[in-house]
Amino acid sequence: MMTLSTQMLWILAAAPGQVGSGRIVGGWGYVWACYGITVAMLVLYAVSLWVRRPKAPTDAKE
């Protein structure tokens, strides 16, 4: 059995004009920020791998 407050929430949610279209409007700034952070982290990781690469001995023939 639903309580009175739960029933009121269902009634208010079902009121005409109160329910959205189900789509998120905007938000592309957050998406591009996440892409930017991801690319920056991948670049930093690649640089850290390059800096920590094994050095060839100085007496190597190559």
Protein backbone atom coordinates (compact mmCIF):
# COMPACT_ATOMS: atom_id res chain seq x y z
CA MET A 1 0.00 0.00 0.00
CA MET A 2 1.37 3.38 -0.98
CA THR A 3 1.55 6.16 1.53
CA LEU A 4 -0.20 9.46 0.95
CA SER A 5 3.04 11.29 0.19
CA THR A 6 4.05 8.70 -2.42
CA GLN A 7 0.64 9.00 -4.07
CA MET A 8 0.98 12.79 -4.13
CA LEU A 9 4.39 12.52 -5.83
CA TRP A 10 2.89 10.30 -8.54
CA ILE A 11 0.04 12.75 -9.07
CA LEU A 12 2.41 15.71 -9.28
CA ALA A 13 4.76 13.88 -11.63
CA ALA A 14 1.90 12.98 -13.94
CA ALA A 15 0.55 16.54 -14.09
CA PRO A 16 0.41 17.91 -17.66
CA GLY A 17 3.44 19.99 -18.58
CA GLN A 18 5.49 18.71 -15.67
CA VAL A 19 7.09 15.73 -17.35
CA GLY A 20 10.10 16.37 -19.59
CA SER A 21 10.68 14.96 -23.03
CA GLY A 22 13.16 12.38 -21.77
CA ARG A 23 16.12 14.04 -23.47
CA ILE A 24 19.04 15.80 -21.91
CA VAL A 25 19.32 19.31 -23.31
CA GLY A 26 22.78 20.79 -23.59
CA GLY A 27 25.65 19.26 -21.71
CA TRP A 28 28.09 19.19 -24.65
CA GLY A 29 30.52 21.29 -22.64
CA TYR A 30 30.87 18.44 -20.15
CA VAL A 31 31.36 15.92 -22.96
CA TRP A 32 34.14 17.98 -24.57
CA ALA A 33 35.74 18.58 -21.17
CA CYS A 34 35.84 14.81 -20.60
CA TYR A 35 37.35 14.28 -24.05
CA GLY A 36 39.95 16.94 -23.30
CA ILE A 37 40.86 15.41 -19.95
CA THR A 38 41.11 11.96 -21.55
CA VAL A 39 43.39 13.17 -24.35
CA ALA A 40 45.56 15.09 -21.88
CA MET A 41 45.94 12.04 -19.66
CA LEU A 42 46.85 9.82 -22.63
CA VAL A 43 49.46 12.34 -23.80
CA LEU A 44 50.94 12.60 -20.31
CA TYR A 45 51.06 8.82 -20.05
CA ALA A 46 52.80 8.54 -23.44
CA VAL A 47 55.34 11.17 -22.40
CA SER A 48 56.00 9.37 -19.12
CA LEU A 49 56.60 6.12 -21.02
CA TRP A 50 58.98 7.89 -23.42
CA VAL A 51 60.93 9.48 -20.56
CA ARG A 52 61.23 6.15 -18.70
CA ARG A 53 62.24 4.09 -21.75
CA PRO A 54 65.37 1.95 -21.31
CA LYS A 55 68.55 3.69 -22.39
CA ALA A 56 70.95 1.92 -24.72
CA PRO A 57 74.44 1.33 -23.30
CA THR A 58 77.04 3.83 -24.54
CA ASP A 59 79.28 1.02 -25.86
CA ALA A 60 76.56 -0.42 -28.09
CA LYS A 61 77.49 -0.94 -31.75
CA GLU A 62 74.26 0.56 -33.07
